[in-house]
Amino acid sequence: MRRTAKAQWWLLVGLLLCLPFAQARDDRTSSIQVVAVANLPAEARDTLQLIKQGGPFPYPRDGVVFGNYERILPQQARGYYHEYTVKTPGVQHRGARRIVCGIVPECYYSGDHYRSFQRIAEGW
């Protein structure tokens, strides 16, 4: 009986120590701003149109699974999110801008290679 009480106490301590980390992740996902399609760069609007029509996409990696390793977007099962490149004028490579979509129209824009996201307002 005494062992059980001690084990329960340690379990409670462990859970309490993890609580701030769980809260921090929730704060990140809840702080995602919403952006209107009209306020996105023209190239992002072009990419949204390609996503809506199913391609063709200009980059071979467009449509690959986005892992959400940064855990900024809401947690979903692996394979839920897919990423697409937003062309950056004057850049000869893919650049840093992306659109990440779950089930369309749930899409997010990142202008800084996944350091931050804005949820794209529905209705596009």
N, C-alpha and C. Protein backbone atom coordinates (compact mmCIF):
# COMPACT_ATOMS: atom_id res chain seq x y z
N MET A 1 0.82 -1.19 0.00
CA MET A 1 0.00 0.00 0.00
C MET A 1 0.87 1.26 0.00
N ARG A 2 1.92 1.22 0.77
CA ARG A 2 2.81 2.37 0.88
C ARG A 2 3.53 2.64 -0.44
N ARG A 3 3.92 1.57 -1.15
CA ARG A 3 4.57 1.71 -2.45
C ARG A 3 3.64 2.38 -3.46
N THR A 4 2.39 2.00 -3.44
CA THR A 4 1.41 2.58 -4.36
C THR A 4 1.25 4.07 -4.12
N ALA A 5 1.17 4.47 -2.88
CA ALA A 5 1.03 5.90 -2.56
C ALA A 5 2.26 6.67 -3.02
N LYS A 6 3.42 6.10 -2.84
CA LYS A 6 4.66 6.76 -3.25
C LYS A 6 4.71 6.88 -4.78
N ALA A 7 4.32 5.83 -5.48
CA ALA A 7 4.30 5.86 -6.95
C ALA A 7 3.30 6.90 -7.46
N GLN A 8 2.15 6.99 -6.83
CA GLN A 8 1.16 7.98 -7.22
C GLN A 8 1.67 9.40 -6.97
N TRP A 9 2.37 9.58 -5.87
CA TRP A 9 2.93 10.89 -5.57
C TRP A 9 3.93 11.31 -6.64
N TRP A 10 4.84 10.40 -7.04
CA TRP A 10 5.83 10.71 -8.07
C TRP A 10 5.17 10.96 -9.42
N LEU A 11 4.12 10.23 -9.72
CA LEU A 11 3.39 10.45 -10.95
C LEU A 11 2.78 11.86 -10.97
N LEU A 12 2.21 12.26 -9.86
CA LEU A 12 1.63 13.60 -9.75
C LEU A 12 2.71 14.67 -9.93
N VAL A 13 3.85 14.49 -9.29
CA VAL A 13 4.96 15.45 -9.41
C VAL A 13 5.40 15.54 -10.88
N GLY A 14 5.55 14.40 -11.53
CA GLY A 14 5.95 14.39 -12.94
C GLY A 14 4.96 15.12 -13.83
N LEU A 15 3.69 14.89 -13.62
CA LEU A 15 2.66 15.57 -14.41
C LEU A 15 2.67 17.07 -14.17
N LEU A 16 2.85 17.47 -12.94
CA LEU A 16 2.90 18.90 -12.63
C LEU A 16 4.11 19.58 -13.25
N LEU A 17 5.23 18.87 -13.32
CA LEU A 17 6.42 19.44 -13.94
C LEU A 17 6.25 19.60 -15.44
N CYS A 18 5.45 18.76 -16.07
CA CYS A 18 5.22 18.83 -17.52
C CYS A 18 4.18 19.88 -17.90
N LEU A 19 3.35 20.29 -16.99
CA LEU A 19 2.25 21.19 -17.28
C LEU A 19 2.67 22.50 -17.96
N PRO A 20 3.73 23.19 -17.52
CA PRO A 20 4.10 24.44 -18.20
C PRO A 20 4.45 24.23 -19.67
N PHE A 21 5.04 23.10 -20.02
CA PHE A 21 5.41 22.85 -21.41
C PHE A 21 4.17 22.62 -22.26
N ALA A 22 3.21 21.91 -21.75
CA ALA A 22 1.96 21.69 -22.48
C ALA A 22 1.23 23.02 -22.68
N GLN A 23 1.23 23.86 -21.69
CA GLN A 23 0.57 25.15 -21.79
C GLN A 23 1.26 26.03 -22.82
N ALA A 24 2.60 26.00 -22.87
CA ALA A 24 3.33 26.82 -23.83
C ALA A 24 2.97 26.45 -25.25
N ARG A 25 2.83 25.17 -25.54
CA ARG A 25 2.47 24.73 -26.89
C ARG A 25 1.06 25.21 -27.23
N ASP A 26 0.13 25.12 -26.29
CA ASP A 26 -1.22 25.59 -26.53
C ASP A 26 -1.24 27.09 -26.81
N ASP A 27 -0.42 27.86 -26.11
CA ASP A 27 -0.36 29.29 -26.33
C ASP A 27 0.12 29.62 -27.73
N ARG A 28 1.09 28.86 -28.24
CA ARG A 28 1.59 29.11 -29.58
C ARG A 28 0.51 28.88 -30.63
N THR A 29 -0.22 27.77 -30.53
CA THR A 29 -1.23 27.47 -31.54
C THR A 29 -2.41 28.43 -31.45
N SER A 30 -2.74 28.90 -30.26
CA SER A 30 -3.89 29.79 -30.12
C SER A 30 -3.55 31.22 -30.52
N SER A 31 -2.28 31.55 -30.69
CA SER A 31 -1.91 32.92 -31.03
C SER A 31 -1.74 33.13 -32.54
N ILE A 32 -2.15 32.17 -33.34
CA ILE A 32 -2.04 32.31 -34.79
C ILE A 32 -3.04 33.36 -35.27
N GLN A 33 -2.53 34.37 -35.95
CA GLN A 33 -3.37 35.44 -36.49
C GLN A 33 -4.07 34.96 -37.77
N VAL A 34 -5.18 35.58 -38.11
CA VAL A 34 -5.90 35.29 -39.35
C VAL A 34 -5.57 36.40 -40.34
N VAL A 35 -5.30 36.02 -41.59
CA VAL A 35 -5.01 36.98 -42.64
C VAL A 35 -6.01 36.79 -43.78
N ALA A 36 -6.51 37.90 -44.30
CA ALA A 36 -7.42 37.84 -45.45
C ALA A 36 -6.61 37.52 -46.69
N VAL A 37 -7.22 36.81 -47.61
CA VAL A 37 -6.53 36.45 -48.86
C VAL A 37 -6.03 37.71 -49.56
N ALA A 38 -6.82 38.77 -49.55
CA ALA A 38 -6.44 40.02 -50.21
C ALA A 38 -5.17 40.63 -49.62
N ASN A 39 -4.84 40.30 -48.38
CA ASN A 39 -3.65 40.85 -47.72
C ASN A 39 -2.41 39.98 -47.90
N LEU A 40 -2.54 38.86 -48.59
CA LEU A 40 -1.39 38.00 -48.87
C LEU A 40 -0.62 38.56 -50.07
N PRO A 41 0.67 38.23 -50.18
CA PRO A 41 1.40 38.60 -51.40
C PRO A 41 0.73 37.98 -52.63
N ALA A 42 0.86 38.64 -53.77
CA ALA A 42 0.25 38.14 -55.01
C ALA A 42 0.68 36.71 -55.31
N GLU A 43 1.94 36.40 -55.02
CA GLU A 43 2.44 35.04 -55.29
C GLU A 43 1.76 34.00 -54.40
N ALA A 44 1.40 34.38 -53.19
CA ALA A 44 0.68 33.47 -52.30
C ALA A 44 -0.74 33.24 -52.83
N ARG A 45 -1.36 34.28 -53.35
CA ARG A 45 -2.69 34.11 -53.94
C ARG A 45 -2.62 33.19 -55.16
N ASP A 46 -1.55 33.32 -55.95
CA ASP A 46 -1.37 32.41 -57.09
C ASP A 46 -1.22 30.97 -56.62
N THR A 47 -0.45 30.76 -55.56
CA THR A 47 -0.26 29.40 -55.02
C THR A 47 -1.58 28.85 -54.50
N LEU A 48 -2.37 29.66 -53.83
CA LEU A 48 -3.69 29.21 -53.36
C LEU A 48 -4.56 28.75 -54.52
N GLN A 49 -4.50 29.49 -55.62
CA GLN A 49 -5.29 29.11 -56.79
C GLN A 49 -4.84 27.75 -57.33
N LEU A 50 -3.52 27.52 -57.36
CA LEU A 50 -3.00 26.22 -57.80
C LEU A 50 -3.45 25.10 -56.86
N ILE A 51 -3.44 25.37 -55.56
CA ILE A 51 -3.89 24.37 -54.58
C ILE A 51 -5.36 24.05 -54.83
N LYS A 52 -6.15 25.08 -55.04
CA LYS A 52 -7.59 24.91 -55.25
C LYS A 52 -7.88 24.06 -56.49
N GLN A 53 -7.10 24.26 -57.55
CA GLN A 53 -7.34 23.52 -58.78
C GLN A 53 -6.56 22.22 -58.86
N GLY A 54 -5.75 21.93 -57.83
CA GLY A 54 -5.01 20.66 -57.80
C GLY A 54 -3.73 20.64 -58.61
N GLY A 55 -3.17 21.79 -58.92
CA GLY A 55 -1.91 21.88 -59.66
C GLY A 55 -2.16 22.33 -61.09
N PRO A 56 -1.15 22.25 -61.92
CA PRO A 56 0.20 21.72 -61.67
C PRO A 56 1.03 22.71 -60.85
N PHE A 57 1.92 22.15 -60.07
CA PHE A 57 2.75 22.94 -59.18
C PHE A 57 4.15 23.11 -59.77
N PRO A 58 4.75 24.29 -59.58
CA PRO A 58 6.05 24.57 -60.21
C PRO A 58 7.26 23.90 -59.55
N TYR A 59 7.12 23.44 -58.32
CA TYR A 59 8.26 22.86 -57.61
C TYR A 59 7.99 21.39 -57.29
N PRO A 60 9.00 20.53 -57.46
CA PRO A 60 8.80 19.10 -57.22
C PRO A 60 8.35 18.77 -55.80
N ARG A 61 8.73 19.59 -54.82
CA ARG A 61 8.38 19.29 -53.43
C ARG A 61 7.02 19.85 -53.01
N ASP A 62 6.36 20.54 -53.91
CA ASP A 62 5.03 21.06 -53.58
C ASP A 62 4.08 19.90 -53.35
N GLY A 63 3.37 19.96 -52.22
CA GLY A 63 2.41 18.92 -51.87
C GLY A 63 2.95 17.84 -50.96
N VAL A 64 4.25 17.92 -50.59
CA VAL A 64 4.80 16.91 -49.69
C VAL A 64 4.23 17.11 -48.28
N VAL A 65 4.30 16.06 -47.49
CA VAL A 65 3.79 16.11 -46.12
C VAL A 65 4.62 17.10 -45.30
N PHE A 66 3.92 17.95 -44.57
CA PHE A 66 4.54 18.90 -43.65
C PHE A 66 4.47 18.29 -42.26
N GLY A 67 5.61 18.14 -41.62
CA GLY A 67 5.69 17.44 -40.33
C GLY A 67 5.21 18.22 -39.12
N ASN A 68 5.10 19.53 -39.22
CA ASN A 68 4.70 20.37 -38.08
C ASN A 68 5.62 20.16 -36.88
N TYR A 69 6.92 19.97 -37.15
CA TYR A 69 7.88 19.73 -36.07
C TYR A 69 8.01 20.92 -35.14
N GLU A 70 7.73 22.12 -35.65
CA GLU A 70 7.79 23.32 -34.83
C GLU A 70 6.63 23.38 -33.85
N ARG A 71 5.59 22.62 -34.11
CA ARG A 71 4.38 22.53 -33.29
C ARG A 71 3.69 23.88 -33.11
N ILE A 72 3.74 24.66 -34.15
CA ILE A 72 3.04 25.94 -34.12
C ILE A 72 1.60 25.76 -34.59
N LEU A 73 1.40 24.91 -35.59
CA LEU A 73 0.05 24.63 -36.07
C LEU A 73 -0.64 23.66 -35.12
N PRO A 74 -1.98 23.64 -35.14
CA PRO A 74 -2.69 22.68 -34.29
C PRO A 74 -2.23 21.24 -34.57
N GLN A 75 -2.08 20.46 -33.51
CA GLN A 75 -1.62 19.07 -33.64
C GLN A 75 -2.63 18.25 -34.44
N GLN A 76 -2.12 17.51 -35.40
CA GLN A 76 -2.92 16.60 -36.22
C GLN A 76 -2.07 15.36 -36.47
N ALA A 77 -2.70 14.33 -36.99
CA ALA A 77 -1.98 13.11 -37.33
C ALA A 77 -0.99 13.39 -38.46
N ARG A 78 0.11 12.66 -38.46
CA ARG A 78 1.11 12.80 -39.53
C ARG A 78 0.43 12.55 -40.87
N GLY A 79 0.73 13.40 -41.83
CA GLY A 79 0.13 13.28 -43.15
C GLY A 79 -1.04 14.22 -43.37
N TYR A 80 -1.49 14.87 -42.30
CA TYR A 80 -2.63 15.79 -42.41
C TYR A 80 -2.24 17.06 -43.17
N TYR A 81 -1.08 17.63 -42.85
CA TYR A 81 -0.65 18.88 -43.47
C TYR A 81 0.26 18.62 -44.67
N HIS A 82 0.11 19.48 -45.70
CA HIS A 82 0.97 19.43 -46.88
C HIS A 82 1.47 20.85 -47.16
N GLU A 83 2.70 20.95 -47.66
CA GLU A 83 3.29 22.27 -47.87
C GLU A 83 3.45 22.58 -49.35
N TYR A 84 3.39 23.88 -49.65
CA TYR A 84 3.51 24.37 -51.02
C TYR A 84 4.39 25.62 -51.00
N THR A 85 5.21 25.76 -52.02
CA THR A 85 6.12 26.89 -52.12
C THR A 85 5.39 28.11 -52.66
N VAL A 86 5.66 29.26 -52.06
CA VAL A 86 5.19 30.54 -52.59
C VAL A 86 6.41 31.21 -53.21
N LYS A 87 6.34 31.47 -54.50
CA LYS A 87 7.49 32.08 -55.19
C LYS A 87 7.88 33.39 -54.52
N THR A 88 9.18 33.62 -54.48
CA THR A 88 9.73 34.86 -53.94
C THR A 88 10.43 35.59 -55.07
N PRO A 89 9.96 36.77 -55.48
CA PRO A 89 10.60 37.49 -56.58
C PRO A 89 12.07 37.75 -56.30
N GLY A 90 12.89 37.56 -57.32
CA GLY A 90 14.32 37.82 -57.22
C GLY A 90 15.12 36.71 -56.58
N VAL A 91 14.49 35.61 -56.21
CA VAL A 91 15.19 34.49 -55.58
C VAL A 91 15.21 33.33 -56.57
N GLN A 92 16.37 32.72 -56.74
CA GLN A 92 16.52 31.64 -57.72
C GLN A 92 16.23 30.25 -57.14
N HIS A 93 15.93 30.18 -55.85
CA HIS A 93 15.61 28.89 -55.22
C HIS A 93 14.19 29.00 -54.65
N ARG A 94 13.78 28.04 -53.86
CA ARG A 94 12.40 28.03 -53.35
C ARG A 94 12.11 29.17 -52.38
N GLY A 95 13.11 29.73 -51.77
CA GLY A 95 12.87 30.82 -50.83
C GLY A 95 12.26 30.33 -49.53
N ALA A 96 11.78 31.27 -48.72
CA ALA A 96 11.31 30.95 -47.37
C ALA A 96 9.78 30.91 -47.26
N ARG A 97 9.08 31.37 -48.27
CA ARG A 97 7.63 31.52 -48.14
C ARG A 97 6.91 30.22 -48.48
N ARG A 98 5.93 29.86 -47.64
CA ARG A 98 5.19 28.61 -47.84
C ARG A 98 3.72 28.81 -47.48
N ILE A 99 2.91 27.94 -48.09
CA ILE A 99 1.53 27.74 -47.65
C ILE A 99 1.44 26.30 -47.20
N VAL A 100 0.87 26.09 -46.03
CA VAL A 100 0.67 24.74 -45.49
C VAL A 100 -0.83 24.55 -45.33
N CYS A 101 -1.33 23.44 -45.89
CA CYS A 101 -2.78 23.17 -45.83
C CYS A 101 -3.05 21.84 -45.16
N GLY A 102 -4.12 21.84 -44.39
CA GLY A 102 -4.70 20.60 -43.91
C GLY A 102 -5.78 20.22 -44.90
N ILE A 103 -6.99 20.05 -44.41
CA ILE A 103 -8.10 19.82 -45.32
C ILE A 103 -8.54 21.19 -45.81
N VAL A 104 -8.43 21.41 -47.12
CA VAL A 104 -8.76 22.71 -47.71
C VAL A 104 -10.20 23.04 -47.34
N PRO A 105 -10.49 24.22 -46.82
CA PRO A 105 -9.72 25.45 -46.89
C PRO A 105 -8.88 25.78 -45.66
N GLU A 106 -8.51 24.81 -44.83
CA GLU A 106 -7.65 25.10 -43.68
C GLU A 106 -6.21 25.25 -44.14
N CYS A 107 -5.82 26.49 -44.41
CA CYS A 107 -4.47 26.75 -44.91
C CYS A 107 -3.81 27.86 -44.10
N TYR A 108 -2.50 27.81 -44.05
CA TYR A 108 -1.70 28.76 -43.28
C TYR A 108 -0.58 29.30 -44.16
N TYR A 109 -0.26 30.58 -43.98
CA TYR A 109 0.83 31.21 -44.72
C TYR A 109 2.01 31.44 -43.77
N SER A 110 3.21 31.12 -44.25
CA SER A 110 4.44 31.43 -43.51
C SER A 110 5.37 32.19 -44.44
N GLY A 111 5.74 33.38 -44.05
CA GLY A 111 6.67 34.17 -44.83
C GLY A 111 8.11 34.02 -44.37
N ASP A 112 8.32 33.22 -43.32
CA ASP A 112 9.65 33.10 -42.72
C ASP A 112 10.06 31.65 -42.48
N HIS A 113 9.70 30.79 -43.39
CA HIS A 113 10.05 29.36 -43.35
C HIS A 113 9.71 28.71 -42.02
N TYR A 114 8.41 28.77 -41.68
CA TYR A 114 7.81 28.06 -40.56
C TYR A 114 8.11 28.65 -39.17
N ARG A 115 8.74 29.80 -39.08
CA ARG A 115 8.94 30.40 -37.76
C ARG A 115 7.64 31.00 -37.22
N SER A 116 6.78 31.41 -38.15
CA SER A 116 5.47 31.92 -37.75
C SER A 116 4.46 31.59 -38.85
N PHE A 117 3.20 31.58 -38.48
CA PHE A 117 2.13 31.28 -39.42
C PHE A 117 0.97 32.24 -39.23
N GLN A 118 0.24 32.46 -40.30
CA GLN A 118 -1.03 33.17 -40.27
C GLN A 118 -2.05 32.23 -40.90
N ARG A 119 -3.19 32.06 -40.24
CA ARG A 119 -4.25 31.25 -40.84
C ARG A 119 -4.92 32.07 -41.94
N ILE A 120 -5.07 31.48 -43.10
CA ILE A 120 -5.69 32.17 -44.23
C ILE A 120 -7.21 32.09 -44.04
N ALA A 121 -7.85 33.25 -44.06
CA ALA A 121 -9.30 33.31 -43.86
C ALA A 121 -10.00 32.45 -44.90
N GLU A 122 -11.02 31.74 -44.46
CA GLU A 122 -11.76 30.87 -45.38
C GLU A 122 -12.55 31.71 -46.38
N GLY A 123 -12.97 31.05 -47.43
CA GLY A 123 -13.76 31.74 -48.44
C GLY A 123 -12.98 32.05 -49.70
N TRP A 124 -11.84 31.48 -49.84
CA TRP A 124 -11.06 31.72 -51.04
C TRP A 124 -11.39 30.66 -52.05
